[in-house]
Amino acid sequence: MKTTLDRVAQGVELIAEFMQDFPPSRAAHGLVAQHIHDFVGTDQQLQWFVQACIRHFHCWPGVPQLRALYCSKFAPDDGESPVCKLWDTADKQAFDFEKLAHREADLRNLALLPEVKGKQ
């Protein structure tokens, strides 16, 4: 069952709390929620999306990057493909966040990334 615009708006408010430079106005939050509602399908997909946004975007990336993140795991509910890529990969497949997590761990082991409190 399609998630509601109200649930998406709640997700947008949560994302905005964690993301630097997120558009501050209520009107902007409403517009972002409408765009997200267009491409997100179910409540479970919305939950994944909100968590992924908080985990992977520290600064406001723009709506096209939000769509690209969602489409890295799910087909968009409105059928529109993303107009940008998250990262350019050699095989042109959706970005693999599991590989990123392993790569971050490797870099921490080499002391190239600082240890994040609460992450191992």
N, C-alpha and C. Protein backbone atom coordinates (compact mmCIF):
# COMPACT_ATOMS: atom_id res chain seq x y z
N MET A 1 0.84 -1.18 0.00
CA MET A 1 0.00 0.00 0.00
C MET A 1 0.89 1.25 0.00
N LYS A 2 0.53 2.20 -0.83
CA LYS A 2 1.30 3.45 -0.97
C LYS A 2 1.33 4.20 0.35
N THR A 3 2.52 4.69 0.70
CA THR A 3 2.65 5.50 1.91
C THR A 3 1.92 6.83 1.73
N THR A 4 1.59 7.47 2.83
CA THR A 4 0.85 8.73 2.75
C THR A 4 1.79 9.92 2.71
N LEU A 5 1.28 11.02 2.21
CA LEU A 5 2.05 12.26 2.19
C LEU A 5 2.38 12.71 3.61
N ASP A 6 1.48 12.49 4.55
CA ASP A 6 1.75 12.85 5.95
C ASP A 6 2.94 12.08 6.51
N ARG A 7 3.03 10.80 6.21
CA ARG A 7 4.17 10.00 6.69
C ARG A 7 5.47 10.46 6.03
N VAL A 8 5.40 10.79 4.76
CA VAL A 8 6.58 11.30 4.07
C VAL A 8 7.01 12.63 4.70
N ALA A 9 6.04 13.49 5.01
CA ALA A 9 6.35 14.78 5.64
C ALA A 9 7.04 14.58 6.99
N GLN A 10 6.60 13.58 7.75
CA GLN A 10 7.27 13.27 9.02
C GLN A 10 8.71 12.82 8.77
N GLY A 11 8.91 12.02 7.73
CA GLY A 11 10.25 11.58 7.37
C GLY A 11 11.13 12.75 6.95
N VAL A 12 10.56 13.69 6.21
CA VAL A 12 11.31 14.88 5.79
C VAL A 12 11.75 15.69 7.00
N GLU A 13 10.88 15.84 7.98
CA GLU A 13 11.24 16.58 9.19
C GLU A 13 12.41 15.91 9.91
N LEU A 14 12.40 14.59 9.97
CA LEU A 14 13.49 13.86 10.60
C LEU A 14 14.79 14.02 9.81
N ILE A 15 14.71 13.87 8.50
CA ILE A 15 15.90 14.05 7.66
C ILE A 15 16.46 15.45 7.85
N ALA A 16 15.60 16.46 7.88
CA ALA A 16 16.04 17.85 8.00
C ALA A 16 16.81 18.09 9.29
N GLU A 17 16.46 17.35 10.35
CA GLU A 17 17.16 17.50 11.63
C GLU A 17 18.62 17.06 11.54
N PHE A 18 18.92 16.13 10.64
CA PHE A 18 20.26 15.55 10.55
C PHE A 18 21.09 16.10 9.40
N MET A 19 20.47 16.76 8.45
CA MET A 19 21.15 17.14 7.21
C MET A 19 21.44 18.64 7.20
N GLN A 20 22.73 18.97 7.10
CA GLN A 20 23.13 20.37 7.00
C GLN A 20 22.61 20.97 5.71
N ASP A 21 22.28 22.23 5.77
CA ASP A 21 21.84 23.01 4.60
C ASP A 21 20.52 22.54 4.01
N PHE A 22 19.76 21.74 4.76
CA PHE A 22 18.44 21.35 4.28
C PHE A 22 17.60 22.62 4.17
N PRO A 23 16.84 22.81 3.10
CA PRO A 23 16.04 24.03 2.96
C PRO A 23 15.19 24.25 4.22
N PRO A 24 15.29 25.42 4.85
CA PRO A 24 14.68 25.62 6.17
C PRO A 24 13.19 25.94 6.19
N SER A 25 12.64 26.43 5.12
CA SER A 25 11.24 26.89 5.18
C SER A 25 10.25 25.72 5.16
N ARG A 26 9.09 25.97 5.76
CA ARG A 26 8.02 24.96 5.76
C ARG A 26 7.56 24.66 4.34
N ALA A 27 7.54 25.70 3.50
CA ALA A 27 7.14 25.50 2.11
C ALA A 27 8.11 24.56 1.39
N ALA A 28 9.40 24.75 1.65
CA ALA A 28 10.40 23.88 1.03
C ALA A 28 10.26 22.45 1.54
N HIS A 29 10.01 22.28 2.84
CA HIS A 29 9.82 20.94 3.39
C HIS A 29 8.61 20.26 2.73
N GLY A 30 7.55 21.03 2.52
CA GLY A 30 6.37 20.48 1.86
C GLY A 30 6.63 20.07 0.43
N LEU A 31 7.40 20.89 -0.29
CA LEU A 31 7.73 20.57 -1.68
C LEU A 31 8.64 19.34 -1.76
N VAL A 32 9.63 19.27 -0.88
CA VAL A 32 10.51 18.09 -0.85
C VAL A 32 9.69 16.85 -0.52
N ALA A 33 8.77 16.96 0.44
CA ALA A 33 7.92 15.82 0.80
C ALA A 33 7.09 15.36 -0.40
N GLN A 34 6.56 16.30 -1.16
CA GLN A 34 5.76 15.94 -2.34
C GLN A 34 6.61 15.19 -3.37
N HIS A 35 7.83 15.68 -3.60
CA HIS A 35 8.73 14.99 -4.55
C HIS A 35 9.04 13.58 -4.07
N ILE A 36 9.35 13.45 -2.78
CA ILE A 36 9.66 12.12 -2.24
C ILE A 36 8.44 11.21 -2.31
N HIS A 37 7.27 11.75 -2.00
CA HIS A 37 6.04 10.96 -2.07
C HIS A 37 5.81 10.43 -3.49
N ASP A 38 6.21 11.20 -4.49
CA ASP A 38 6.05 10.75 -5.88
C ASP A 38 6.81 9.45 -6.15
N PHE A 39 8.02 9.32 -5.60
CA PHE A 39 8.82 8.14 -5.96
C PHE A 39 8.84 7.03 -4.91
N VAL A 40 8.50 7.31 -3.67
CA VAL A 40 8.52 6.27 -2.64
C VAL A 40 7.21 5.48 -2.68
N GLY A 41 7.32 4.17 -2.52
CA GLY A 41 6.15 3.31 -2.56
C GLY A 41 5.52 3.09 -1.20
N THR A 42 6.05 2.15 -0.44
CA THR A 42 5.43 1.69 0.79
C THR A 42 6.03 2.36 2.03
N ASP A 43 5.38 2.14 3.17
CA ASP A 43 5.91 2.63 4.44
C ASP A 43 7.28 2.02 4.74
N GLN A 44 7.46 0.75 4.43
CA GLN A 44 8.74 0.08 4.67
C GLN A 44 9.84 0.70 3.81
N GLN A 45 9.51 1.01 2.56
CA GLN A 45 10.49 1.65 1.69
C GLN A 45 10.82 3.06 2.19
N LEU A 46 9.82 3.76 2.69
CA LEU A 46 10.05 5.08 3.25
C LEU A 46 10.98 5.00 4.46
N GLN A 47 10.74 4.01 5.32
CA GLN A 47 11.59 3.84 6.50
C GLN A 47 13.04 3.61 6.08
N TRP A 48 13.26 2.72 5.11
CA TRP A 48 14.62 2.48 4.62
C TRP A 48 15.21 3.78 4.08
N PHE A 49 14.43 4.51 3.29
CA PHE A 49 14.89 5.73 2.64
C PHE A 49 15.31 6.79 3.66
N VAL A 50 14.50 7.01 4.68
CA VAL A 50 14.83 8.01 5.71
C VAL A 50 16.14 7.62 6.40
N GLN A 51 16.26 6.37 6.77
CA GLN A 51 17.49 5.91 7.43
C GLN A 51 18.69 6.04 6.51
N ALA A 52 18.52 5.71 5.24
CA ALA A 52 19.63 5.82 4.28
C ALA A 52 20.04 7.27 4.07
N CYS A 53 19.08 8.18 4.02
CA CYS A 53 19.40 9.61 3.88
C CYS A 53 20.24 10.09 5.05
N ILE A 54 19.82 9.72 6.25
CA ILE A 54 20.54 10.15 7.45
C ILE A 54 21.94 9.55 7.48
N ARG A 55 22.06 8.32 7.05
CA ARG A 55 23.35 7.62 7.07
C ARG A 55 24.31 8.13 5.99
N HIS A 56 23.80 8.49 4.82
CA HIS A 56 24.70 8.75 3.69
C HIS A 56 24.80 10.20 3.24
N PHE A 57 23.87 11.05 3.63
CA PHE A 57 23.94 12.45 3.23
C PHE A 57 24.06 13.33 4.46
N HIS A 58 25.21 13.96 4.62
CA HIS A 58 25.40 14.87 5.75
C HIS A 58 24.97 16.28 5.39
N CYS A 59 25.00 16.59 4.11
CA CYS A 59 24.58 17.90 3.61
C CYS A 59 23.49 17.70 2.56
N TRP A 60 22.66 18.71 2.40
CA TRP A 60 21.57 18.66 1.43
C TRP A 60 22.12 18.39 0.03
N PRO A 61 21.73 17.27 -0.59
CA PRO A 61 22.24 16.95 -1.92
C PRO A 61 21.34 17.41 -3.06
N GLY A 62 20.08 17.74 -2.76
CA GLY A 62 19.11 18.08 -3.79
C GLY A 62 18.18 16.90 -4.05
N VAL A 63 17.01 17.20 -4.59
CA VAL A 63 16.00 16.17 -4.84
C VAL A 63 16.50 15.10 -5.82
N PRO A 64 17.22 15.46 -6.90
CA PRO A 64 17.68 14.39 -7.81
C PRO A 64 18.56 13.34 -7.11
N GLN A 65 19.41 13.77 -6.18
CA GLN A 65 20.25 12.80 -5.46
C GLN A 65 19.41 11.96 -4.50
N LEU A 66 18.37 12.55 -3.92
CA LEU A 66 17.47 11.76 -3.06
C LEU A 66 16.81 10.66 -3.88
N ARG A 67 16.35 11.01 -5.07
CA ARG A 67 15.73 10.01 -5.96
C ARG A 67 16.76 8.93 -6.33
N ALA A 68 17.97 9.34 -6.63
CA ALA A 68 19.01 8.37 -7.00
C ALA A 68 19.30 7.41 -5.85
N LEU A 69 19.33 7.93 -4.62
CA LEU A 69 19.54 7.07 -3.46
C LEU A 69 18.41 6.04 -3.36
N TYR A 70 17.18 6.49 -3.45
CA TYR A 70 16.03 5.59 -3.38
C TYR A 70 16.11 4.53 -4.48
N CYS A 71 16.43 4.96 -5.68
CA CYS A 71 16.48 4.05 -6.83
C CYS A 71 17.67 3.10 -6.79
N SER A 72 18.61 3.34 -5.87
CA SER A 72 19.72 2.39 -5.71
C SER A 72 19.23 1.09 -5.07
N LYS A 73 18.01 1.11 -4.49
CA LYS A 73 17.45 -0.08 -3.86
C LYS A 73 16.08 -0.47 -4.40
N PHE A 74 15.25 0.52 -4.74
CA PHE A 74 13.87 0.26 -5.16
C PHE A 74 13.57 0.92 -6.50
N ALA A 75 12.63 0.35 -7.20
CA ALA A 75 12.11 1.00 -8.42
C ALA A 75 11.23 2.18 -7.97
N PRO A 76 11.32 3.31 -8.64
CA PRO A 76 10.50 4.46 -8.24
C PRO A 76 9.03 4.20 -8.50
N ASP A 77 8.20 4.59 -7.55
CA ASP A 77 6.76 4.35 -7.64
C ASP A 77 6.15 5.07 -8.84
N ASP A 78 6.72 6.23 -9.20
CA ASP A 78 6.18 7.00 -10.33
C ASP A 78 6.78 6.59 -11.67
N GLY A 79 7.72 5.64 -11.64
CA GLY A 79 8.31 5.13 -12.88
C GLY A 79 9.40 6.01 -13.48
N GLU A 80 9.69 7.16 -12.87
CA GLU A 80 10.73 8.05 -13.40
C GLU A 80 12.10 7.61 -12.90
N SER A 81 13.02 7.38 -13.82
CA SER A 81 14.39 7.03 -13.45
C SER A 81 15.11 8.26 -12.95
N PRO A 82 16.13 8.06 -12.10
CA PRO A 82 16.90 9.21 -11.64
C PRO A 82 17.62 9.89 -12.80
N VAL A 83 17.81 11.20 -12.67
CA VAL A 83 18.49 11.96 -13.73
C VAL A 83 19.96 12.16 -13.39
N CYS A 84 20.40 11.59 -12.28
CA CYS A 84 21.81 11.68 -11.90
C CYS A 84 22.19 10.36 -11.25
N LYS A 85 23.47 10.20 -11.03
CA LYS A 85 23.99 9.01 -10.37
C LYS A 85 24.52 9.42 -9.01
N LEU A 86 24.50 8.48 -8.07
CA LEU A 86 25.12 8.76 -6.78
C LEU A 86 26.62 8.85 -6.95
N TRP A 87 27.21 7.83 -7.51
CA TRP A 87 28.62 7.80 -7.84
C TRP A 87 28.75 7.03 -9.12
N ASP A 88 29.76 7.34 -9.89
CA ASP A 88 29.99 6.63 -11.13
C ASP A 88 30.75 5.34 -10.80
N THR A 89 30.16 4.20 -11.10
CA THR A 89 30.81 2.93 -10.84
C THR A 89 31.26 2.33 -12.16
N ALA A 90 32.28 1.51 -12.08
CA ALA A 90 32.85 0.91 -13.28
C ALA A 90 31.83 0.08 -14.04
N ASP A 91 30.98 -0.64 -13.33
CA ASP A 91 30.03 -1.51 -14.00
C ASP A 91 28.67 -0.84 -14.22
N LYS A 92 28.55 0.44 -13.86
CA LYS A 92 27.34 1.24 -14.08
C LYS A 92 26.11 0.68 -13.37
N GLN A 93 26.31 -0.14 -12.35
CA GLN A 93 25.18 -0.64 -11.57
C GLN A 93 24.92 0.33 -10.42
N ALA A 94 23.82 0.14 -9.73
CA ALA A 94 23.49 0.98 -8.58
C ALA A 94 24.61 0.89 -7.55
N PHE A 95 24.86 2.00 -6.89
CA PHE A 95 25.91 2.05 -5.90
C PHE A 95 25.66 1.03 -4.80
N ASP A 96 26.68 0.32 -4.40
CA ASP A 96 26.58 -0.73 -3.40
C ASP A 96 27.04 -0.18 -2.05
N PHE A 97 26.08 0.15 -1.17
CA PHE A 97 26.41 0.74 0.11
C PHE A 97 27.11 -0.25 1.03
N GLU A 98 26.92 -1.57 0.82
CA GLU A 98 27.63 -2.57 1.60
C GLU A 98 29.12 -2.46 1.32
N LYS A 99 29.49 -2.30 0.05
CA LYS A 99 30.90 -2.14 -0.31
C LYS A 99 31.47 -0.88 0.33
N LEU A 100 30.68 0.19 0.37
CA LEU A 100 31.14 1.42 1.00
C LEU A 100 31.44 1.19 2.48
N ALA A 101 30.58 0.47 3.17
CA ALA A 101 30.80 0.20 4.59
C ALA A 101 32.09 -0.58 4.79
N HIS A 102 32.35 -1.58 3.93
CA HIS A 102 33.59 -2.35 4.03
C HIS A 102 34.79 -1.47 3.70
N ARG A 103 34.65 -0.59 2.71
CA ARG A 103 35.75 0.31 2.33
C ARG A 103 36.04 1.29 3.48
N GLU A 104 35.01 1.80 4.13
CA GLU A 104 35.22 2.69 5.28
C GLU A 104 35.98 1.95 6.38
N ALA A 105 35.62 0.69 6.63
CA ALA A 105 36.31 -0.08 7.65
C ALA A 105 37.77 -0.28 7.28
N ASP A 106 38.04 -0.55 6.00
CA ASP A 106 39.42 -0.70 5.54
C ASP A 106 40.22 0.58 5.76
N LEU A 107 39.62 1.72 5.42
CA LEU A 107 40.31 2.99 5.58
C LEU A 107 40.55 3.31 7.05
N ARG A 108 39.61 2.95 7.92
CA ARG A 108 39.83 3.15 9.36
C ARG A 108 40.99 2.30 9.84
N ASN A 109 41.06 1.06 9.36
CA ASN A 109 42.16 0.18 9.74
C ASN A 109 43.50 0.75 9.29
N LEU A 110 43.52 1.47 8.17
CA LEU A 110 44.74 2.10 7.69
C LEU A 110 44.94 3.49 8.30
N ALA A 111 44.04 3.87 9.21
CA ALA A 111 44.08 5.17 9.90
C ALA A 111 43.90 6.33 8.93
N LEU A 112 43.19 6.11 7.82
CA LEU A 112 42.91 7.19 6.88
C LEU A 112 41.61 7.89 7.21
N LEU A 113 40.74 7.22 7.97
CA LEU A 113 39.50 7.83 8.44
C LEU A 113 39.49 7.74 9.96
N PRO A 114 39.00 8.77 10.62
CA PRO A 114 38.93 8.71 12.07
C PRO A 114 37.85 7.72 12.52
N GLU A 115 38.04 7.17 13.70
CA GLU A 115 37.04 6.28 14.29
C GLU A 115 35.84 7.11 14.70
N VAL A 116 34.65 6.64 14.38
CA VAL A 116 33.43 7.34 14.74
C VAL A 116 32.89 6.69 15.99
N LYS A 117 32.63 7.51 17.01
CA LYS A 117 32.12 6.98 18.27
C LYS A 117 30.83 6.22 18.03
N GLY A 118 30.74 5.02 18.55
CA GLY A 118 29.55 4.22 18.40
C GLY A 118 29.58 3.31 17.18
N LYS A 119 30.58 3.49 16.29
CA LYS A 119 30.71 2.62 15.11
C LYS A 119 31.96 1.77 15.28
N GLN A 120 31.87 0.56 14.82
CA GLN A 120 33.03 -0.31 14.89
C GLN A 120 33.45 -0.72 13.51
